[in-house]
Amino acid sequence: MIKLKDYDEAIAYLKEGAAVFLEDRTRIILSAKSVLLIKKGSRYKLGIEDFKELYAKSSFYCDDLKEVFIDDDKDREYYAFRHK
């Protein structure tokens, strides 16, 4: 896990599709108008401004980036194989 510098960096990683977490391993998912927090069977949906107000000073972590991004060539190969 990589510790991110601040809230803005966490949002940038989320926009790229990275897996971002809070200190307690709560997963954060960003959509166009809201943020979804997932923690061991519980889900909480917040507006982006509410999320910023509550968590702007939190510590954010990202999984190793090598595992986050999908290789387009492998993705095309997989779906070509699956749909034959």
Protein backbone atom coordinates (compact mmCIF):
# COMPACT_ATOMS: atom_id res chain seq x y z
CA MET A 1 0.00 0.00 0.00
CA ILE A 2 1.21 3.46 -0.90
CA LYS A 3 0.37 6.40 1.36
CA LEU A 4 -1.03 9.30 -0.65
CA LYS A 5 -0.05 12.89 0.14
CA ASP A 6 -3.48 14.42 0.64
CA TYR A 7 -7.17 14.55 -0.24
CA ASP A 8 -6.55 16.03 -3.70
CA GLU A 9 -4.14 13.26 -4.63
CA ALA A 10 -6.65 10.66 -3.42
CA ILE A 11 -9.36 12.19 -5.63
CA ALA A 12 -6.98 12.20 -8.62
CA TYR A 13 -6.23 8.49 -8.09
CA LEU A 14 -9.94 7.72 -7.72
CA LYS A 15 -10.68 9.50 -11.01
CA GLU A 16 -8.08 7.23 -12.66
CA GLY A 17 -9.86 4.16 -11.31
CA ALA A 18 -7.33 3.27 -8.62
CA ALA A 19 -8.29 1.38 -5.47
CA VAL A 20 -8.12 3.97 -2.67
CA PHE A 21 -8.68 3.28 1.02
CA LEU A 22 -8.89 5.13 4.33
CA GLU A 23 -6.59 4.16 7.22
CA ASP A 24 -9.07 1.58 8.53
CA ARG A 25 -9.21 -0.18 5.10
CA THR A 26 -12.55 1.40 4.17
CA ARG A 27 -12.70 1.29 0.35
CA ILE A 28 -13.62 4.52 -1.42
CA ILE A 29 -15.44 4.57 -4.75
CA LEU A 30 -16.00 7.83 -6.61
CA SER A 31 -18.90 8.45 -9.00
CA ALA A 32 -19.96 11.60 -10.81
CA LYS A 33 -21.99 13.03 -7.93
CA SER A 34 -21.21 10.95 -4.87
CA VAL A 35 -18.72 8.88 -2.92
CA LEU A 36 -19.38 5.35 -1.73
CA LEU A 37 -17.55 4.08 1.37
CA ILE A 38 -17.44 0.30 1.79
CA LYS A 39 -16.31 -1.33 5.03
CA LYS A 40 -16.90 -5.00 5.91
CA GLY A 41 -20.51 -5.37 4.82
CA SER A 42 -21.50 -1.74 5.34
CA ARG A 43 -21.97 0.87 2.63
CA TYR A 44 -22.29 4.61 3.08
CA LYS A 45 -23.07 7.04 0.29
CA LEU A 46 -22.06 10.69 0.67
CA GLY A 47 -22.16 13.71 -1.58
CA ILE A 48 -18.72 14.77 -2.77
CA GLU A 49 -18.80 18.00 -0.73
CA ASP A 50 -19.86 16.10 2.41
CA PHE A 51 -17.06 13.59 1.85
CA LYS A 52 -14.55 16.41 1.50
CA GLU A 53 -15.81 18.11 4.67
CA LEU A 54 -15.60 14.89 6.70
CA TYR A 55 -12.45 13.29 5.28
CA ALA A 56 -10.25 16.06 3.81
CA LYS A 57 -7.69 15.70 6.61
CA SER A 58 -7.69 11.87 6.62
CA SER A 59 -4.87 9.60 5.53
CA PHE A 60 -5.45 7.89 2.20
CA TYR A 61 -3.76 4.80 0.78
CA CYS A 62 -3.62 3.24 -2.66
CA ASP A 63 -2.88 -0.35 -3.65
CA ASP A 64 0.28 -0.88 -5.67
CA LEU A 65 -0.36 0.86 -8.98
CA LYS A 66 1.03 -2.02 -11.00
CA GLU A 67 -2.06 -4.00 -10.02
CA VAL A 68 -4.55 -1.18 -10.54
CA PHE A 69 -4.45 -0.44 -14.25
CA ILE A 70 -5.68 -2.89 -16.86
CA ASP A 71 -3.48 -3.72 -19.82
CA ASP A 72 -5.60 -2.90 -22.90
CA ASP A 73 -3.96 -5.60 -25.04
CA LYS A 74 -4.62 -8.32 -22.48
CA ASP A 75 -8.16 -7.02 -21.99
CA ARG A 76 -8.91 -7.23 -25.76
CA GLU A 77 -7.33 -10.69 -25.94
CA TYR A 78 -9.44 -11.92 -23.02
CA TYR A 79 -12.73 -10.69 -24.47
CA ALA A 80 -11.86 -11.93 -27.97
CA PHE A 81 -11.29 -15.40 -26.50
CA ARG A 82 -14.42 -15.33 -24.34
CA HIS A 83 -16.74 -14.39 -27.21
CA LYS A 84 -15.64 -17.01 -29.77
